[in-house]
Amino acid sequence: MRQMTVEQVESRLSAIRCPICKTNSFSIDRRSMQPDGEWKAGCMKCRYSFPVHTDMEFYERTQPDIPYHLKSIPCPKCETHGVKLDFRIVLSVREAFYFVTCHSCGHAFPEKSSLESFE
């Protein structure tokens, strides 16, 4: 299992917007990092915080629909289907994102998850 570094996760989080202040600058609270891959991220402007889940091996094993869902996600760059799940966040009760990497071209992008939002 190759886990992403804190810096890589912080960099990738800039692809989304804070649900409160709409900026895209986030940091990981290093004190919140748990051995099971649960981290806390926070907006640099308004301090809104949300969980970051980095143990995707466990998540994919315990959520039977995820591997099938990942095969159906198209890459916005090369338009082929099939991605690797790098990490996920639950930004709010209405928004959850998978941060994925395309198997074909290696393009990394966020994908809004319809499986984890509680409307």
N, C-alpha and C. Protein backbone atom coordinates (compact mmCIF):
# COMPACT_ATOMS: atom_id res chain seq x y z
N MET A 1 0.85 -1.19 0.00
CA MET A 1 0.00 0.00 0.00
C MET A 1 0.89 1.24 0.00
N ARG A 2 0.75 2.09 -1.00
CA ARG A 2 1.51 3.33 -1.09
C ARG A 2 0.58 4.47 -0.69
N GLN A 3 0.88 5.08 0.44
CA GLN A 3 0.06 6.18 0.91
C GLN A 3 0.66 7.50 0.42
N MET A 4 -0.20 8.43 0.09
CA MET A 4 0.25 9.73 -0.38
C MET A 4 0.84 10.53 0.78
N THR A 5 1.76 11.43 0.44
CA THR A 5 2.34 12.30 1.46
C THR A 5 1.35 13.43 1.78
N VAL A 6 1.57 14.08 2.90
CA VAL A 6 0.73 15.20 3.31
C VAL A 6 0.79 16.31 2.26
N GLU A 7 1.96 16.57 1.75
CA GLU A 7 2.13 17.63 0.75
C GLU A 7 1.36 17.31 -0.54
N GLN A 8 1.38 16.04 -0.96
CA GLN A 8 0.64 15.63 -2.15
C GLN A 8 -0.86 15.83 -1.96
N VAL A 9 -1.36 15.45 -0.78
CA VAL A 9 -2.79 15.60 -0.49
C VAL A 9 -3.16 17.08 -0.46
N GLU A 10 -2.37 17.90 0.22
CA GLU A 10 -2.65 19.33 0.28
C GLU A 10 -2.67 19.94 -1.12
N SER A 11 -1.75 19.55 -1.95
CA SER A 11 -1.70 20.06 -3.32
C SER A 11 -2.95 19.67 -4.11
N ARG A 12 -3.37 18.44 -3.97
CA ARG A 12 -4.55 17.97 -4.72
C ARG A 12 -5.84 18.60 -4.21
N LEU A 13 -5.90 18.95 -2.93
CA LEU A 13 -7.11 19.57 -2.38
C LEU A 13 -7.41 20.92 -3.02
N SER A 14 -6.41 21.56 -3.61
CA SER A 14 -6.64 22.86 -4.24
C SER A 14 -7.56 22.77 -5.45
N ALA A 15 -7.89 21.56 -5.88
CA ALA A 15 -8.80 21.38 -7.03
C ALA A 15 -10.26 21.55 -6.65
N ILE A 16 -10.54 21.66 -5.34
CA ILE A 16 -11.93 21.85 -4.89
C ILE A 16 -12.07 23.20 -4.19
N ARG A 17 -13.29 23.59 -3.90
CA ARG A 17 -13.56 24.87 -3.23
C ARG A 17 -14.16 24.62 -1.84
N CYS A 18 -13.81 25.46 -0.91
CA CYS A 18 -14.37 25.41 0.44
C CYS A 18 -15.88 25.66 0.35
N PRO A 19 -16.70 24.86 1.02
CA PRO A 19 -18.15 25.07 0.95
C PRO A 19 -18.61 26.35 1.66
N ILE A 20 -17.76 26.92 2.50
CA ILE A 20 -18.13 28.13 3.24
C ILE A 20 -17.67 29.40 2.52
N CYS A 21 -16.36 29.53 2.31
CA CYS A 21 -15.83 30.78 1.77
C CYS A 21 -15.44 30.71 0.29
N LYS A 22 -15.53 29.53 -0.32
CA LYS A 22 -15.28 29.30 -1.76
C LYS A 22 -13.84 29.47 -2.19
N THR A 23 -12.88 29.53 -1.25
CA THR A 23 -11.47 29.56 -1.64
C THR A 23 -10.99 28.12 -1.84
N ASN A 24 -9.77 27.97 -2.33
CA ASN A 24 -9.26 26.62 -2.57
C ASN A 24 -7.88 26.40 -1.97
N SER A 25 -7.68 26.89 -0.78
CA SER A 25 -6.40 26.75 -0.09
C SER A 25 -6.63 25.99 1.22
N PHE A 26 -6.08 24.77 1.30
CA PHE A 26 -6.31 23.90 2.45
C PHE A 26 -5.00 23.40 3.02
N SER A 27 -5.03 23.04 4.30
CA SER A 27 -3.86 22.42 4.92
C SER A 27 -4.32 21.24 5.77
N ILE A 28 -3.40 20.30 5.97
CA ILE A 28 -3.66 19.16 6.83
C ILE A 28 -3.10 19.48 8.21
N ASP A 29 -3.91 19.25 9.24
CA ASP A 29 -3.44 19.43 10.62
C ASP A 29 -2.62 18.19 10.97
N ARG A 30 -1.30 18.36 11.04
CA ARG A 30 -0.41 17.22 11.30
C ARG A 30 -0.69 16.56 12.64
N ARG A 31 -1.22 17.30 13.59
CA ARG A 31 -1.55 16.73 14.91
C ARG A 31 -2.74 15.78 14.83
N SER A 32 -3.55 15.90 13.78
CA SER A 32 -4.76 15.08 13.66
C SER A 32 -4.53 13.76 12.95
N MET A 33 -3.33 13.54 12.44
CA MET A 33 -3.06 12.36 11.61
C MET A 33 -3.06 11.08 12.44
N GLN A 34 -3.99 10.19 12.12
CA GLN A 34 -4.13 8.93 12.84
C GLN A 34 -3.45 7.80 12.05
N PRO A 35 -2.98 6.76 12.74
CA PRO A 35 -2.33 5.65 12.05
C PRO A 35 -3.25 4.91 11.07
N ASP A 36 -4.56 5.03 11.26
CA ASP A 36 -5.50 4.35 10.36
C ASP A 36 -5.81 5.15 9.10
N GLY A 37 -5.09 6.25 8.88
CA GLY A 37 -5.27 7.02 7.65
C GLY A 37 -6.32 8.11 7.73
N GLU A 38 -6.83 8.40 8.91
CA GLU A 38 -7.81 9.48 9.08
C GLU A 38 -7.08 10.77 9.43
N TRP A 39 -7.28 11.78 8.61
CA TRP A 39 -6.64 13.09 8.81
C TRP A 39 -7.72 14.16 8.86
N LYS A 40 -7.36 15.33 9.35
CA LYS A 40 -8.25 16.49 9.31
C LYS A 40 -7.61 17.56 8.42
N ALA A 41 -8.41 18.08 7.50
CA ALA A 41 -7.96 19.18 6.65
C ALA A 41 -8.77 20.41 7.04
N GLY A 42 -8.21 21.57 6.79
CA GLY A 42 -8.91 22.81 7.11
C GLY A 42 -8.65 23.87 6.06
N CYS A 43 -9.65 24.71 5.87
CA CYS A 43 -9.52 25.84 4.95
C CYS A 43 -8.58 26.85 5.58
N MET A 44 -7.65 27.37 4.79
CA MET A 44 -6.69 28.34 5.30
C MET A 44 -7.33 29.71 5.57
N LYS A 45 -8.46 29.99 4.93
CA LYS A 45 -9.09 31.30 5.12
C LYS A 45 -10.10 31.28 6.26
N CYS A 46 -11.09 30.37 6.21
CA CYS A 46 -12.17 30.42 7.21
C CYS A 46 -12.06 29.34 8.29
N ARG A 47 -11.07 28.46 8.16
CA ARG A 47 -10.82 27.39 9.15
C ARG A 47 -11.87 26.30 9.16
N TYR A 48 -12.71 26.22 8.15
CA TYR A 48 -13.66 25.11 8.05
C TYR A 48 -12.86 23.81 7.96
N SER A 49 -13.25 22.79 8.72
CA SER A 49 -12.50 21.54 8.69
C SER A 49 -13.36 20.38 8.22
N PHE A 50 -12.69 19.37 7.69
CA PHE A 50 -13.37 18.19 7.17
C PHE A 50 -12.40 17.01 7.20
N PRO A 51 -12.92 15.77 7.21
CA PRO A 51 -12.04 14.60 7.25
C PRO A 51 -11.46 14.24 5.89
N VAL A 52 -10.25 13.75 5.93
CA VAL A 52 -9.57 13.19 4.76
C VAL A 52 -9.30 11.73 5.10
N HIS A 53 -9.70 10.84 4.22
CA HIS A 53 -9.52 9.40 4.43
C HIS A 53 -8.49 8.90 3.43
N THR A 54 -7.37 8.37 3.94
CA THR A 54 -6.28 7.98 3.05
C THR A 54 -6.07 6.47 2.93
N ASP A 55 -6.71 5.68 3.76
CA ASP A 55 -6.55 4.22 3.68
C ASP A 55 -7.56 3.66 2.68
N MET A 56 -7.22 3.73 1.41
CA MET A 56 -8.15 3.32 0.36
C MET A 56 -8.19 1.80 0.16
N GLU A 57 -7.13 1.13 0.58
CA GLU A 57 -7.12 -0.34 0.48
C GLU A 57 -8.23 -0.92 1.36
N PHE A 58 -8.32 -0.47 2.60
CA PHE A 58 -9.36 -0.92 3.51
C PHE A 58 -10.75 -0.51 3.01
N TYR A 59 -10.87 0.72 2.54
CA TYR A 59 -12.14 1.24 2.06
C TYR A 59 -12.67 0.42 0.88
N GLU A 60 -11.80 0.12 -0.08
CA GLU A 60 -12.22 -0.66 -1.24
C GLU A 60 -12.60 -2.09 -0.86
N ARG A 61 -11.92 -2.64 0.13
CA ARG A 61 -12.25 -4.00 0.59
C ARG A 61 -13.60 -4.06 1.28
N THR A 62 -13.96 -3.00 2.01
CA THR A 62 -15.19 -3.03 2.81
C THR A 62 -16.41 -2.42 2.11
N GLN A 63 -16.19 -1.78 0.97
CA GLN A 63 -17.30 -1.17 0.21
C GLN A 63 -17.38 -1.87 -1.15
N PRO A 64 -18.23 -2.86 -1.29
CA PRO A 64 -18.22 -3.69 -2.51
C PRO A 64 -18.56 -2.95 -3.80
N ASP A 65 -19.24 -1.84 -3.75
CA ASP A 65 -19.60 -1.11 -4.97
C ASP A 65 -18.46 -0.24 -5.51
N ILE A 66 -17.50 0.09 -4.69
CA ILE A 66 -16.44 1.03 -5.08
C ILE A 66 -15.61 0.55 -6.26
N PRO A 67 -15.09 -0.68 -6.27
CA PRO A 67 -14.30 -1.11 -7.43
C PRO A 67 -15.06 -1.01 -8.76
N TYR A 68 -16.35 -1.31 -8.75
CA TYR A 68 -17.16 -1.20 -9.97
C TYR A 68 -17.35 0.26 -10.37
N HIS A 69 -17.56 1.10 -9.37
CA HIS A 69 -17.74 2.53 -9.63
C HIS A 69 -16.46 3.14 -10.22
N LEU A 70 -15.31 2.75 -9.70
CA LEU A 70 -14.04 3.29 -10.19
C LEU A 70 -13.79 2.92 -11.65
N LYS A 71 -14.25 1.75 -12.06
CA LYS A 71 -14.09 1.32 -13.46
C LYS A 71 -14.94 2.14 -14.41
N SER A 72 -15.99 2.79 -13.90
CA SER A 72 -16.91 3.55 -14.76
C SER A 72 -16.57 5.04 -14.85
N ILE A 73 -15.62 5.52 -14.05
CA ILE A 73 -15.29 6.95 -14.05
C ILE A 73 -14.42 7.28 -15.26
N PRO A 74 -14.87 8.25 -16.09
CA PRO A 74 -14.07 8.64 -17.26
C PRO A 74 -13.04 9.70 -16.90
N CYS A 75 -11.90 9.63 -17.53
CA CYS A 75 -10.85 10.63 -17.34
C CYS A 75 -11.21 11.86 -18.17
N PRO A 76 -11.16 13.07 -17.59
CA PRO A 76 -11.47 14.27 -18.37
C PRO A 76 -10.39 14.61 -19.41
N LYS A 77 -9.21 14.02 -19.27
CA LYS A 77 -8.12 14.32 -20.19
C LYS A 77 -8.11 13.38 -21.40
N CYS A 78 -8.09 12.05 -21.16
CA CYS A 78 -7.99 11.10 -22.27
C CYS A 78 -9.31 10.39 -22.57
N GLU A 79 -10.30 10.59 -21.72
CA GLU A 79 -11.66 10.06 -21.90
C GLU A 79 -11.77 8.53 -21.81
N THR A 80 -10.74 7.85 -21.31
CA THR A 80 -10.87 6.42 -21.07
C THR A 80 -11.47 6.20 -19.68
N HIS A 81 -12.01 5.03 -19.46
CA HIS A 81 -12.65 4.72 -18.18
C HIS A 81 -11.71 3.88 -17.32
N GLY A 82 -11.77 4.09 -16.03
CA GLY A 82 -10.99 3.32 -15.07
C GLY A 82 -9.95 4.18 -14.37
N VAL A 83 -10.11 4.28 -13.05
CA VAL A 83 -9.21 5.11 -12.25
C VAL A 83 -8.79 4.38 -10.98
N LYS A 84 -7.71 4.87 -10.37
CA LYS A 84 -7.24 4.37 -9.07
C LYS A 84 -7.64 5.40 -8.02
N LEU A 85 -8.20 4.94 -6.92
CA LEU A 85 -8.62 5.83 -5.83
C LEU A 85 -7.42 6.14 -4.95
N ASP A 86 -7.03 7.42 -4.87
CA ASP A 86 -5.88 7.85 -4.08
C ASP A 86 -6.27 8.19 -2.65
N PHE A 87 -7.32 9.00 -2.48
CA PHE A 87 -7.88 9.32 -1.17
C PHE A 87 -9.26 9.91 -1.37
N ARG A 88 -10.00 10.06 -0.29
CA ARG A 88 -11.35 10.61 -0.39
C ARG A 88 -11.60 11.58 0.74
N ILE A 89 -12.54 12.49 0.51
CA ILE A 89 -12.93 13.45 1.56
C ILE A 89 -14.44 13.52 1.61
N VAL A 90 -14.95 13.85 2.77
CA VAL A 90 -16.36 14.17 2.94
C VAL A 90 -16.38 15.64 3.31
N LEU A 91 -16.58 16.48 2.30
CA LEU A 91 -16.46 17.93 2.47
C LEU A 91 -17.61 18.50 3.29
N SER A 92 -18.80 18.00 3.06
CA SER A 92 -19.98 18.44 3.81
C SER A 92 -21.03 17.35 3.67
N VAL A 93 -22.20 17.57 4.25
CA VAL A 93 -23.25 16.55 4.14
C VAL A 93 -23.76 16.41 2.70
N ARG A 94 -23.48 17.38 1.86
CA ARG A 94 -23.92 17.31 0.46
C ARG A 94 -22.80 17.02 -0.53
N GLU A 95 -21.55 17.08 -0.07
CA GLU A 95 -20.44 16.91 -0.99
C GLU A 95 -19.36 15.98 -0.45
N ALA A 96 -19.07 14.97 -1.24
CA ALA A 96 -17.94 14.09 -0.97
C ALA A 96 -17.18 13.95 -2.29
N PHE A 97 -15.87 13.81 -2.20
CA PHE A 97 -15.04 13.72 -3.40
C PHE A 97 -14.09 12.55 -3.30
N TYR A 98 -13.90 11.89 -4.43
CA TYR A 98 -12.84 10.91 -4.59
C TYR A 98 -11.72 11.61 -5.35
N PHE A 99 -10.51 11.48 -4.89
CA PHE A 99 -9.36 12.00 -5.62
C PHE A 99 -8.73 10.79 -6.29
N VAL A 100 -8.76 10.78 -7.61
CA VAL A 100 -8.40 9.61 -8.39
C VAL A 100 -7.31 9.91 -9.40
N THR A 101 -6.71 8.84 -9.93
CA THR A 101 -5.71 8.95 -10.98
C THR A 101 -6.09 7.99 -12.10
N CYS A 102 -6.08 8.47 -13.32
CA CYS A 102 -6.42 7.68 -14.50
C CYS A 102 -5.39 6.57 -14.71
N HIS A 103 -5.89 5.35 -14.96
CA HIS A 103 -4.99 4.23 -15.24
C HIS A 103 -4.25 4.43 -16.56
N SER A 104 -4.90 5.01 -17.55
CA SER A 104 -4.31 5.13 -18.89
C SER A 104 -3.25 6.21 -19.01
N CYS A 105 -3.61 7.44 -18.61
CA CYS A 105 -2.68 8.56 -18.86
C CYS A 105 -2.05 9.13 -17.59
N GLY A 106 -2.49 8.70 -16.42
CA GLY A 106 -1.90 9.18 -15.17
C GLY A 106 -2.41 10.53 -14.70
N HIS A 107 -3.45 11.06 -15.36
CA HIS A 107 -4.01 12.35 -14.96
C HIS A 107 -4.71 12.21 -13.61
N ALA A 108 -4.40 13.10 -12.67
CA ALA A 108 -5.01 13.10 -11.33
C ALA A 108 -6.10 14.15 -11.30
N PHE A 109 -7.27 13.78 -10.77
CA PHE A 109 -8.39 14.72 -10.72
C PHE A 109 -9.37 14.32 -9.61
N PRO A 110 -10.20 15.27 -9.15
CA PRO A 110 -11.25 14.94 -8.18
C PRO A 110 -12.52 14.53 -8.91
N GLU A 111 -13.24 13.61 -8.31
CA GLU A 111 -14.52 13.15 -8.86
C GLU A 111 -15.54 13.27 -7.74
N LYS A 112 -16.61 14.03 -7.99
CA LYS A 112 -17.65 14.18 -6.98
C LYS A 112 -18.33 12.83 -6.78
N SER A 113 -18.48 12.43 -5.54
CA SER A 113 -19.07 11.14 -5.23
C SER A 113 -20.56 11.27 -4.96
N SER A 114 -21.30 10.46 -5.66
CA SER A 114 -22.74 10.41 -5.38
C SER A 114 -23.03 9.33 -4.34
N LEU A 115 -22.05 8.51 -4.02
CA LEU A 115 -22.26 7.40 -3.10
C LEU A 115 -22.19 7.81 -1.64
N GLU A 116 -21.61 8.97 -1.34
CA GLU A 116 -21.40 9.33 0.06
C GLU A 116 -22.07 10.62 0.50
N SER A 117 -22.91 11.20 -0.31
CA SER A 117 -23.57 12.43 0.12
C SER A 117 -24.91 12.08 0.76
N PHE A 118 -25.25 12.81 1.78
CA PHE A 118 -26.45 12.52 2.56
C PHE A 118 -27.47 13.63 2.35
N GLU A 119 -28.26 13.52 1.32
CA GLU A 119 -29.22 14.59 1.03
C GLU A 119 -30.57 14.30 1.62
